[in-house]
PDB file of all heavy atoms in Angstrom:
ATOM      1  N   VAL A   1    -118.372  93.534  11.776  1.00  0.00           N
ATOM      2  CA  VAL A   1    -118.034  92.193  12.229  1.00  0.00           C
ATOM      3  C   VAL A   1    -117.519  91.375  11.056  1.00  0.00           C
ATOM      4  O   VAL A   1    -117.777  91.684   9.896  1.00  0.00           O
ATOM      5  CB  VAL A   1    -119.233  91.469  12.880  1.00  0.00           C
ATOM      6  CG1 VAL A   1    -119.702  92.200  14.126  1.00  0.00           C
ATOM      7  CG2 VAL A   1    -120.381  91.328  11.884  1.00  0.00           C
ATOM      8  N   GLN A   2    -116.803  90.317  11.385  1.00  0.00           N
ATOM      9  CA  GLN A   2    -116.321  89.396  10.371  1.00  0.00           C
ATOM     10  C   GLN A   2    -117.410  88.410   9.983  1.00  0.00           C
ATOM     11  O   GLN A   2    -118.292  88.084  10.781  1.00  0.00           O
ATOM     12  CB  GLN A   2    -115.104  88.627  10.892  1.00  0.00           C
ATOM     13  CG  GLN A   2    -113.907  89.495  11.241  1.00  0.00           C
ATOM     14  CD  GLN A   2    -113.263  90.099  10.022  1.00  0.00           C
ATOM     15  OE1 GLN A   2    -113.161  89.452   8.974  1.00  0.00           O
ATOM     16  NE2 GLN A   2    -112.814  91.339  10.135  1.00  0.00           N
ATOM     17  N   ALA A   3    -117.355  87.941   8.753  1.00  0.00           N
ATOM     18  CA  ALA A   3    -118.280  86.905   8.319  1.00  0.00           C
ATOM     19  C   ALA A   3    -118.211  85.718   9.267  1.00  0.00           C
ATOM     20  O   ALA A   3    -117.131  85.296   9.684  1.00  0.00           O
ATOM     21  CB  ALA A   3    -117.966  86.472   6.894  1.00  0.00           C
ATOM     22  N   GLY A   4    -119.379  85.197   9.597  1.00  0.00           N
ATOM     23  CA  GLY A   4    -119.464  84.113  10.556  1.00  0.00           C
ATOM     24  C   GLY A   4    -119.611  84.566  11.989  1.00  0.00           C
ATOM     25  O   GLY A   4    -119.894  83.743  12.869  1.00  0.00           O
ATOM     26  N   GLY A   5    -119.452  85.847  12.221  1.00  0.00           N
ATOM     27  CA  GLY A   5    -119.561  86.388  13.556  1.00  0.00           C
ATOM     28  C   GLY A   5    -120.990  86.678  13.961  1.00  0.00           C
ATOM     29  O   GLY A   5    -121.940  86.408  13.221  1.00  0.00           O
ATOM     30  N   SER A   6    -121.129  87.261  15.136  1.00  0.00           N
ATOM     31  CA  SER A   6    -122.438  87.539  15.707  1.00  0.00           C
ATOM     32  C   SER A   6    -122.532  88.985  16.158  1.00  0.00           C
ATOM     33  O   SER A   6    -121.536  89.627  16.470  1.00  0.00           O
ATOM     34  CB  SER A   6    -122.705  86.628  16.911  1.00  0.00           C
ATOM     35  OG  SER A   6    -122.747  85.265  16.531  1.00  0.00           O
ATOM     36  N   LEU A   7    -123.753  89.455  16.207  1.00  0.00           N
ATOM     37  CA  LEU A   7    -124.031  90.807  16.649  1.00  0.00           C
ATOM     38  C   LEU A   7    -125.443  90.841  17.206  1.00  0.00           C
ATOM     39  O   LEU A   7    -126.317  90.115  16.703  1.00  0.00           O
ATOM     40  CB  LEU A   7    -123.896  91.778  15.476  1.00  0.00           C
ATOM     41  CG  LEU A   7    -123.811  93.270  15.753  1.00  0.00           C
ATOM     42  CD1 LEU A   7    -122.536  93.600  16.522  1.00  0.00           C
ATOM     43  CD2 LEU A   7    -123.845  94.039  14.434  1.00  0.00           C
ATOM     44  N   ARG A   8    -125.657  91.648  18.218  1.00  0.00           N
ATOM     45  CA  ARG A   8    -126.996  91.803  18.762  1.00  0.00           C
ATOM     46  C   ARG A   8    -127.426  93.259  18.689  1.00  0.00           C
ATOM     47  O   ARG A   8    -126.740  94.144  19.191  1.00  0.00           O
ATOM     48  CB  ARG A   8    -127.084  91.323  20.217  1.00  0.00           C
ATOM     49  CG  ARG A   8    -128.526  91.293  20.737  1.00  0.00           C
ATOM     50  CD  ARG A   8    -128.644  90.740  22.138  1.00  0.00           C
ATOM     51  NE  ARG A   8    -128.224  91.705  23.140  1.00  0.00           N
ATOM     52  CZ  ARG A   8    -128.544  91.640  24.429  1.00  0.00           C
ATOM     53  NH1 ARG A   8    -129.290  90.620  24.869  1.00  0.00           N
ATOM     54  NH2 ARG A   8    -128.104  92.546  25.273  1.00  0.00           N
ATOM     55  N   LEU A   9    -128.574  93.482  18.082  1.00  0.00           N
ATOM     56  CA  LEU A   9    -129.173  94.801  18.007  1.00  0.00           C
ATOM     57  C   LEU A   9    -130.269  94.918  19.057  1.00  0.00           C
ATOM     58  O   LEU A   9    -130.964  93.950  19.351  1.00  0.00           O
ATOM     59  CB  LEU A   9    -129.774  95.054  16.628  1.00  0.00           C
ATOM     60  CG  LEU A   9    -128.853  94.881  15.419  1.00  0.00           C
ATOM     61  CD1 LEU A   9    -129.617  95.207  14.142  1.00  0.00           C
ATOM     62  CD2 LEU A   9    -127.611  95.737  15.549  1.00  0.00           C
ATOM     63  N   SER A  10    -130.422  96.114  19.591  1.00  0.00           N
ATOM     64  CA  SER A  10    -131.457  96.377  20.573  1.00  0.00           C
ATOM     65  C   SER A  10    -132.326  97.533  20.107  1.00  0.00           C
ATOM     66  O   SER A  10    -131.854  98.447  19.430  1.00  0.00           O
ATOM     67  CB  SER A  10    -130.848  96.728  21.935  1.00  0.00           C
ATOM     68  OG  SER A  10    -130.097  95.653  22.451  1.00  0.00           O
ATOM     69  N   CYS A  11    -133.572  97.490  20.497  1.00  0.00           N
ATOM     70  CA  CYS A  11    -134.526  98.542  20.183  1.00  0.00           C
ATOM     71  C   CYS A  11    -135.351  98.800  21.428  1.00  0.00           C
ATOM     72  O   CYS A  11    -136.147  97.944  21.831  1.00  0.00           O
ATOM     73  CB  CYS A  11    -135.413  98.120  19.006  1.00  0.00           C
ATOM     74  SG  CYS A  11    -136.674  99.309  18.523  1.00  0.00           S
ATOM     75  N   ALA A  12    -135.154  99.954  22.038  1.00  0.00           N
ATOM     76  CA  ALA A  12    -135.857 100.314  23.257  1.00  0.00           C
ATOM     77  C   ALA A  12    -136.971 101.296  22.934  1.00  0.00           C
ATOM     78  O   ALA A  12    -136.752 102.300  22.261  1.00  0.00           O
ATOM     79  CB  ALA A  12    -134.891 100.923  24.270  1.00  0.00           C
ATOM     80  N   ALA A  13    -138.156 101.022  23.443  1.00  0.00           N
ATOM     81  CA  ALA A  13    -139.332 101.818  23.139  1.00  0.00           C
ATOM     82  C   ALA A  13    -139.817 102.584  24.352  1.00  0.00           C
ATOM     83  O   ALA A  13    -139.661 102.137  25.496  1.00  0.00           O
ATOM     84  CB  ALA A  13    -140.459 100.924  22.619  1.00  0.00           C
ATOM     85  N   SER A  14    -140.426 103.732  24.090  1.00  0.00           N
ATOM     86  CA  SER A  14    -140.970 104.559  25.163  1.00  0.00           C
ATOM     87  C   SER A  14    -142.394 104.199  25.546  1.00  0.00           C
ATOM     88  O   SER A  14    -142.911 104.721  26.525  1.00  0.00           O
ATOM     89  CB  SER A  14    -140.917 106.035  24.753  1.00  0.00           C
ATOM     90  OG  SER A  14    -141.746 106.282  23.633  1.00  0.00           O
ATOM     91  N   ALA A  15    -143.034 103.336  24.790  1.00  0.00           N
ATOM     92  CA  ALA A  15    -144.435 103.019  25.011  1.00  0.00           C
ATOM     93  C   ALA A  15    -144.663 102.356  26.365  1.00  0.00           C
ATOM     94  O   ALA A  15    -143.953 101.417  26.733  1.00  0.00           O
ATOM     95  CB  ALA A  15    -144.957 102.115  23.895  1.00  0.00           C
ATOM     96  N   ARG A  16    -145.658 102.826  27.066  1.00  0.00           N
ATOM     97  CA  ARG A  16    -146.005 102.217  28.351  1.00  0.00           C
ATOM     98  C   ARG A  16    -146.661 100.858  28.153  1.00  0.00           C
ATOM     99  O   ARG A  16    -146.434  99.932  28.942  1.00  0.00           O
ATOM    100  CB  ARG A  16    -146.938 103.147  29.124  1.00  0.00           C
ATOM    101  CG  ARG A  16    -147.306 102.657  30.517  1.00  0.00           C
ATOM    102  CD  ARG A  16    -146.111 102.692  31.451  1.00  0.00           C
ATOM    103  NE  ARG A  16    -146.439 102.275  32.802  1.00  0.00           N
ATOM    104  CZ  ARG A  16    -146.830 103.077  33.777  1.00  0.00           C
ATOM    105  NH1 ARG A  16    -146.951 104.382  33.562  1.00  0.00           N
ATOM    106  NH2 ARG A  16    -147.094 102.593  34.985  1.00  0.00           N
ATOM    107  N   THR A  17    -147.466 100.742  27.111  1.00  0.00           N
ATOM    108  CA  THR A  17    -148.165  99.499  26.811  1.00  0.00           C
ATOM    109  C   THR A  17    -147.397  98.720  25.747  1.00  0.00           C
ATOM    110  O   THR A  17    -147.944  98.343  24.707  1.00  0.00           O
ATOM    111  CB  THR A  17    -149.603  99.793  26.349  1.00  0.00           C
ATOM    112  OG1 THR A  17    -149.575 100.698  25.232  1.00  0.00           O
ATOM    113  CG2 THR A  17    -150.401 100.415  27.481  1.00  0.00           C
ATOM    114  N   PHE A  18    -146.145  98.446  26.039  1.00  0.00           N
ATOM    115  CA  PHE A  18    -145.249  97.876  25.051  1.00  0.00           C
ATOM    116  C   PHE A  18    -145.710  96.514  24.554  1.00  0.00           C
ATOM    117  O   PHE A  18    -145.496  96.170  23.385  1.00  0.00           O
ATOM    118  CB  PHE A  18    -143.846  97.784  25.641  1.00  0.00           C
ATOM    119  CG  PHE A  18    -142.818  97.255  24.684  1.00  0.00           C
ATOM    120  CD1 PHE A  18    -142.478  97.950  23.541  1.00  0.00           C
ATOM    121  CD2 PHE A  18    -142.179  96.053  24.945  1.00  0.00           C
ATOM    122  CE1 PHE A  18    -141.522  97.469  22.670  1.00  0.00           C
ATOM    123  CE2 PHE A  18    -141.219  95.557  24.087  1.00  0.00           C
ATOM    124  CZ  PHE A  18    -140.894  96.265  22.946  1.00  0.00           C
ATOM    125  N   SER A  19    -146.339  95.735  25.413  1.00  0.00           N
ATOM    126  CA  SER A  19    -146.739  94.395  25.017  1.00  0.00           C
ATOM    127  C   SER A  19    -147.780  94.392  23.906  1.00  0.00           C
ATOM    128  O   SER A  19    -147.961  93.371  23.236  1.00  0.00           O
ATOM    129  CB  SER A  19    -147.265  93.606  26.220  1.00  0.00           C
ATOM    130  OG  SER A  19    -148.442  94.197  26.748  1.00  0.00           O
ATOM    131  N   MET A  20    -148.443  95.513  23.693  1.00  0.00           N
ATOM    132  CA  MET A  20    -149.435  95.614  22.639  1.00  0.00           C
ATOM    133  C   MET A  20    -148.846  96.057  21.291  1.00  0.00           C
ATOM    134  O   MET A  20    -149.583  96.250  20.330  1.00  0.00           O
ATOM    135  CB  MET A  20    -150.562  96.577  23.032  1.00  0.00           C
ATOM    136  CG  MET A  20    -151.607  95.947  23.948  1.00  0.00           C
ATOM    137  SD  MET A  20    -151.078  95.861  25.677  1.00  0.00           S
ATOM    138  CE  MET A  20    -151.507  97.503  26.220  1.00  0.00           C
ATOM    139  N   TYR A  21    -147.531  96.201  21.257  1.00  0.00           N
ATOM    140  CA  TYR A  21    -146.882  96.652  20.039  1.00  0.00           C
ATOM    141  C   TYR A  21    -146.171  95.515  19.337  1.00  0.00           C
ATOM    142  O   TYR A  21    -145.435  94.750  19.952  1.00  0.00           O
ATOM    143  CB  TYR A  21    -145.861  97.761  20.337  1.00  0.00           C
ATOM    144  CG  TYR A  21    -146.499  99.100  20.585  1.00  0.00           C
ATOM    145  CD1 TYR A  21    -147.061  99.405  21.813  1.00  0.00           C
ATOM    146  CD2 TYR A  21    -146.548 100.058  19.575  1.00  0.00           C
ATOM    147  CE1 TYR A  21    -147.668 100.627  22.037  1.00  0.00           C
ATOM    148  CE2 TYR A  21    -147.141 101.280  19.794  1.00  0.00           C
ATOM    149  CZ  TYR A  21    -147.697 101.566  21.027  1.00  0.00           C
ATOM    150  OH  TYR A  21    -148.290 102.782  21.240  1.00  0.00           O
ATOM    151  N   THR A  22    -146.417  95.432  18.059  1.00  0.00           N
ATOM    152  CA  THR A  22    -145.604  94.604  17.198  1.00  0.00           C
ATOM    153  C   THR A  22    -144.329  95.374  16.853  1.00  0.00           C
ATOM    154  O   THR A  22    -144.388  96.567  16.556  1.00  0.00           O
ATOM    155  CB  THR A  22    -146.364  94.247  15.912  1.00  0.00           C
ATOM    156  OG1 THR A  22    -147.417  93.331  16.232  1.00  0.00           O
ATOM    157  CG2 THR A  22    -145.451  93.605  14.878  1.00  0.00           C
ATOM    158  N   VAL A  23    -143.205  94.696  16.908  1.00  0.00           N
ATOM    159  CA  VAL A  23    -141.927  95.316  16.576  1.00  0.00           C
ATOM    160  C   VAL A  23    -141.262  94.518  15.471  1.00  0.00           C
ATOM    161  O   VAL A  23    -141.177  93.285  15.549  1.00  0.00           O
ATOM    162  CB  VAL A  23    -141.003  95.405  17.798  1.00  0.00           C
ATOM    163  CG1 VAL A  23    -139.664  96.030  17.405  1.00  0.00           C
ATOM    164  CG2 VAL A  23    -141.660  96.223  18.903  1.00  0.00           C
ATOM    165  N   GLY A  24    -140.825  95.216  14.459  1.00  0.00           N
ATOM    166  CA  GLY A  24    -140.139  94.585  13.345  1.00  0.00           C
ATOM    167  C   GLY A  24    -138.744  95.136  13.165  1.00  0.00           C
ATOM    168  O   GLY A  24    -138.447  96.269  13.561  1.00  0.00           O
ATOM    169  N   TRP A  25    -137.888  94.315  12.585  1.00  0.00           N
ATOM    170  CA  TRP A  25    -136.573  94.742  12.149  1.00  0.00           C
ATOM    171  C   TRP A  25    -136.552  94.745  10.628  1.00  0.00           C
ATOM    172  O   TRP A  25    -136.991  93.778   9.988  1.00  0.00           O
ATOM    173  CB  TRP A  25    -135.470  93.826  12.684  1.00  0.00           C
ATOM    174  CG  TRP A  25    -135.210  94.004  14.147  1.00  0.00           C
ATOM    175  CD1 TRP A  25    -135.705  93.267  15.169  1.00  0.00           C
ATOM    176  CD2 TRP A  25    -134.369  95.007  14.733  1.00  0.00           C
ATOM    177  NE1 TRP A  25    -135.227  93.734  16.370  1.00  0.00           N
ATOM    178  CE2 TRP A  25    -134.405  94.805  16.129  1.00  0.00           C
ATOM    179  CE3 TRP A  25    -133.593  96.036  14.225  1.00  0.00           C
ATOM    180  CZ2 TRP A  25    -133.698  95.601  17.022  1.00  0.00           C
ATOM    181  CZ3 TRP A  25    -132.886  96.839  15.104  1.00  0.00           C
ATOM    182  CH2 TRP A  25    -132.943  96.613  16.487  1.00  0.00           C
ATOM    183  N   PHE A  26    -136.044  95.821  10.081  1.00  0.00           N
ATOM    184  CA  PHE A  26    -135.953  96.011   8.644  1.00  0.00           C
ATOM    185  C   PHE A  26    -134.522  96.381   8.286  1.00  0.00           C
ATOM    186  O   PHE A  26    -133.775  96.871   9.128  1.00  0.00           O
ATOM    187  CB  PHE A  26    -136.911  97.119   8.182  1.00  0.00           C
ATOM    188  CG  PHE A  26    -138.348  96.859   8.531  1.00  0.00           C
ATOM    189  CD1 PHE A  26    -138.837  97.152   9.793  1.00  0.00           C
ATOM    190  CD2 PHE A  26    -139.209  96.312   7.592  1.00  0.00           C
ATOM    191  CE1 PHE A  26    -140.161  96.911  10.122  1.00  0.00           C
ATOM    192  CE2 PHE A  26    -140.539  96.064   7.906  1.00  0.00           C
ATOM    193  CZ  PHE A  26    -141.008  96.364   9.176  1.00  0.00           C
ATOM    194  N   ARG A  27    -134.167  96.152   7.057  1.00  0.00           N
ATOM    195  CA  ARG A  27    -132.840  96.561   6.613  1.00  0.00           C
ATOM    196  C   ARG A  27    -132.907  97.109   5.200  1.00  0.00           C
ATOM    197  O   ARG A  27    -133.777  96.750   4.410  1.00  0.00           O
ATOM    198  CB  ARG A  27    -131.836  95.411   6.696  1.00  0.00           C
ATOM    199  CG  ARG A  27    -132.100  94.254   5.752  1.00  0.00           C
ATOM    200  CD  ARG A  27    -131.137  93.116   6.045  1.00  0.00           C
ATOM    201  NE  ARG A  27    -131.339  91.985   5.154  1.00  0.00           N
ATOM    202  CZ  ARG A  27    -130.775  90.801   5.307  1.00  0.00           C
ATOM    203  NH1 ARG A  27    -129.952  90.583   6.335  1.00  0.00           N
ATOM    204  NH2 ARG A  27    -131.005  89.823   4.438  1.00  0.00           N
ATOM    205  N   GLN A  28    -131.968  97.985   4.907  1.00  0.00           N
ATOM    206  CA  GLN A  28    -131.903  98.592   3.598  1.00  0.00           C
ATOM    207  C   GLN A  28    -130.451  98.762   3.187  1.00  0.00           C
ATOM    208  O   GLN A  28    -129.679  99.415   3.874  1.00  0.00           O
ATOM    209  CB  GLN A  28    -132.619  99.942   3.578  1.00  0.00           C
ATOM    210  CG  GLN A  28    -132.768 100.531   2.190  1.00  0.00           C
ATOM    211  CD  GLN A  28    -133.786 101.649   2.151  1.00  0.00           C
ATOM    212  OE1 GLN A  28    -134.037 102.310   3.152  1.00  0.00           O
ATOM    213  NE2 GLN A  28    -134.378 101.855   0.987  1.00  0.00           N
ATOM    214  N   ALA A  29    -130.111  98.162   2.067  1.00  0.00           N
ATOM    215  CA  ALA A  29    -128.797  98.314   1.473  1.00  0.00           C
ATOM    216  C   ALA A  29    -128.884  99.329   0.349  1.00  0.00           C
ATOM    217  O   ALA A  29    -129.963  99.547  -0.221  1.00  0.00           O
ATOM    218  CB  ALA A  29    -128.291  96.972   0.950  1.00  0.00           C
ATOM    219  N   PRO A  30    -127.768  99.966  -0.009  1.00  0.00           N
ATOM    220  CA  PRO A  30    -127.794 100.955  -1.081  1.00  0.00           C
ATOM    221  C   PRO A  30    -128.384 100.392  -2.368  1.00  0.00           C
ATOM    222  O   PRO A  30    -128.011  99.300  -2.804  1.00  0.00           O
ATOM    223  CB  PRO A  30    -126.327 101.320  -1.259  1.00  0.00           C
ATOM    224  CG  PRO A  30    -125.720 101.070   0.078  1.00  0.00           C
ATOM    225  CD  PRO A  30    -126.432  99.855   0.600  1.00  0.00           C
ATOM    226  N   GLY A  31    -129.309 101.132  -2.954  1.00  0.00           N
ATOM    227  CA  GLY A  31    -129.940 100.716  -4.190  1.00  0.00           C
ATOM    228  C   GLY A  31    -130.988  99.643  -4.045  1.00  0.00           C
ATOM    229  O   GLY A  31    -131.531  99.176  -5.058  1.00  0.00           O
ATOM    230  N   LYS A  32    -131.276  99.237  -2.823  1.00  0.00           N
ATOM    231  CA  LYS A  32    -132.252  98.186  -2.584  1.00  0.00           C
ATOM    232  C   LYS A  32    -133.452  98.730  -1.825  1.00  0.00           C
ATOM    233  O   LYS A  32    -133.359  99.730  -1.117  1.00  0.00           O
ATOM    234  CB  LYS A  32    -131.630  97.040  -1.778  1.00  0.00           C
ATOM    235  CG  LYS A  32    -130.397  96.421  -2.408  1.00  0.00           C
ATOM    236  CD  LYS A  32    -130.741  95.663  -3.671  1.00  0.00           C
ATOM    237  CE  LYS A  32    -129.507  94.948  -4.213  1.00  0.00           C
ATOM    238  NZ  LYS A  32    -129.821  94.194  -5.450  1.00  0.00           N
ATOM    239  N   GLU A  33    -134.574  98.064  -1.987  1.00  0.00           N
ATOM    240  CA  GLU A  33    -135.751  98.414  -1.211  1.00  0.00           C
ATOM    241  C   GLU A  33    -135.577  97.971   0.230  1.00  0.00           C
ATOM    242  O   GLU A  33    -134.858  97.015   0.526  1.00  0.00           O
ATOM    243  CB  GLU A  33    -137.002  97.751  -1.793  1.00  0.00           C
ATOM    244  CG  GLU A  33    -137.420  98.272  -3.142  1.00  0.00           C
ATOM    245  CD  GLU A  33    -138.740  97.689  -3.611  1.00  0.00           C
ATOM    246  OE1 GLU A  33    -139.303  96.831  -2.898  1.00  0.00           O
ATOM    247  OE2 GLU A  33    -139.211  98.088  -4.674  1.00  0.00           O
ATOM    248  N   ARG A  34    -136.239  98.682   1.114  1.00  0.00           N
ATOM    249  CA  ARG A  34    -136.247  98.269   2.499  1.00  0.00           C
ATOM    250  C   ARG A  34    -137.009  96.956   2.628  1.00  0.00           C
ATOM    251  O   ARG A  34    -138.117  96.816   2.106  1.00  0.00           O
ATOM    252  CB  ARG A  34    -136.887  99.352   3.363  1.00  0.00           C
ATOM    253  CG  ARG A  34    -136.775  99.099   4.852  1.00  0.00           C
ATOM    254  CD  ARG A  34    -137.156 100.339   5.645  1.00  0.00           C
ATOM    255  NE  ARG A  34    -136.262 101.456   5.352  1.00  0.00           N
ATOM    256  CZ  ARG A  34    -136.312 102.623   5.973  1.00  0.00           C
ATOM    257  NH1 ARG A  34    -137.202 102.839   6.934  1.00  0.00           N
ATOM    258  NH2 ARG A  34    -135.469 103.588   5.637  1.00  0.00           N
ATOM    259  N   GLU A  35    -136.415  96.007   3.314  1.00  0.00           N
ATOM    260  CA  GLU A  35    -137.041  94.709   3.454  1.00  0.00           C
ATOM    261  C   GLU A  35    -137.220  94.338   4.913  1.00  0.00           C
ATOM    262  O   GLU A  35    -136.426  94.720   5.772  1.00  0.00           O
ATOM    263  CB  GLU A  35    -136.220  93.618   2.745  1.00  0.00           C
ATOM    264  CG  GLU A  35    -134.863  93.351   3.355  1.00  0.00           C
ATOM    265  CD  GLU A  35    -134.210  92.083   2.833  1.00  0.00           C
ATOM    266  OE1 GLU A  35    -134.923  91.186   2.327  1.00  0.00           O
ATOM    267  OE2 GLU A  35    -132.972  91.970   2.933  1.00  0.00           O
ATOM    268  N   SER A  36    -138.253  93.583   5.156  1.00  0.00           N
ATOM    269  CA  SER A  36    -138.484  93.068   6.489  1.00  0.00           C
ATOM    270  C   SER A  36    -137.531  91.918   6.762  1.00  0.00           C
ATOM    271  O   SER A  36    -137.367  91.022   5.931  1.00  0.00           O
ATOM    272  CB  SER A  36    -139.927  92.598   6.637  1.00  0.00           C
ATOM    273  OG  SER A  36    -140.144  92.052   7.919  1.00  0.00           O
ATOM    274  N   VAL A  37    -136.901  91.945   7.918  1.00  0.00           N
ATOM    275  CA  VAL A  37    -135.980  90.900   8.335  1.00  0.00           C
ATOM    276  C   VAL A  37    -136.643  89.957   9.327  1.00  0.00           C
ATOM    277  O   VAL A  37    -136.572  88.734   9.188  1.00  0.00           O
ATOM    278  CB  VAL A  37    -134.716  91.511   8.955  1.00  0.00           C
ATOM    279  CG1 VAL A  37    -133.781  90.416   9.467  1.00  0.00           C
ATOM    280  CG2 VAL A  37    -134.008  92.398   7.937  1.00  0.00           C
ATOM    281  N   ALA A  38    -137.267  90.520  10.321  1.00  0.00           N
ATOM    282  CA  ALA A  38    -137.906  89.746  11.375  1.00  0.00           C
ATOM    283  C   ALA A  38    -138.935  90.611  12.058  1.00  0.00           C
ATOM    284  O   ALA A  38    -138.870  91.839  12.009  1.00  0.00           O
ATOM    285  CB  ALA A  38    -136.875  89.239  12.391  1.00  0.00           C
ATOM    286  N   ALA A  39    -139.883  89.973  12.695  1.00  0.00           N
ATOM    287  CA  ALA A  39    -140.871  90.695  13.469  1.00  0.00           C
ATOM    288  C   ALA A  39    -141.324  89.828  14.618  1.00  0.00           C
ATOM    289  O   ALA A  39    -141.327  88.594  14.526  1.00  0.00           O
ATOM    290  CB  ALA A  39    -142.067  91.101  12.608  1.00  0.00           C
ATOM    291  N   ILE A  40    -141.694  90.484  15.697  1.00  0.00           N
ATOM    292  CA  ILE A  40    -142.294  89.795  16.820  1.00  0.00           C
ATOM    293  C   ILE A  40    -143.599  90.513  17.121  1.00  0.00           C
ATOM    294  O   ILE A  40    -143.637  91.729  17.296  1.00  0.00           O
ATOM    295  CB  ILE A  40    -141.335  89.733  18.033  1.00  0.00           C
ATOM    296  CG1 ILE A  40    -141.928  88.867  19.137  1.00  0.00           C
ATOM    297  CG2 ILE A  40    -140.950  91.119  18.528  1.00  0.00           C
ATOM    298  CD1 ILE A  40    -140.879  88.387  20.138  1.00  0.00           C
ATOM    299  N   PHE A  41    -144.669  89.751  17.138  1.00  0.00           N
ATOM    300  CA  PHE A  41    -145.991  90.342  17.144  1.00  0.00           C
ATOM    301  C   PHE A  41    -146.526  90.557  18.553  1.00  0.00           C
ATOM    302  O   PHE A  41    -146.084  89.918  19.511  1.00  0.00           O
ATOM    303  CB  PHE A  41    -146.944  89.471  16.328  1.00  0.00           C
ATOM    304  CG  PHE A  41    -146.521  89.330  14.898  1.00  0.00           C
ATOM    305  CD1 PHE A  41    -145.935  88.168  14.442  1.00  0.00           C
ATOM    306  CD2 PHE A  41    -146.689  90.380  14.012  1.00  0.00           C
ATOM    307  CE1 PHE A  41    -145.529  88.040  13.130  1.00  0.00           C
ATOM    308  CE2 PHE A  41    -146.285  90.273  12.689  1.00  0.00           C
ATOM    309  CZ  PHE A  41    -145.709  89.100  12.250  1.00  0.00           C
TER     310      PHE A  41
END
């Protein structure tokens, strides 16, 4: 995407009891540690 643009990522889980799962988004760039971006508890 171009700078200033938007994108939506999706994460679909197989868990039946999904509401009991915390889900986080992480990102990793080359040479960098994996970092937490967002989480929903």
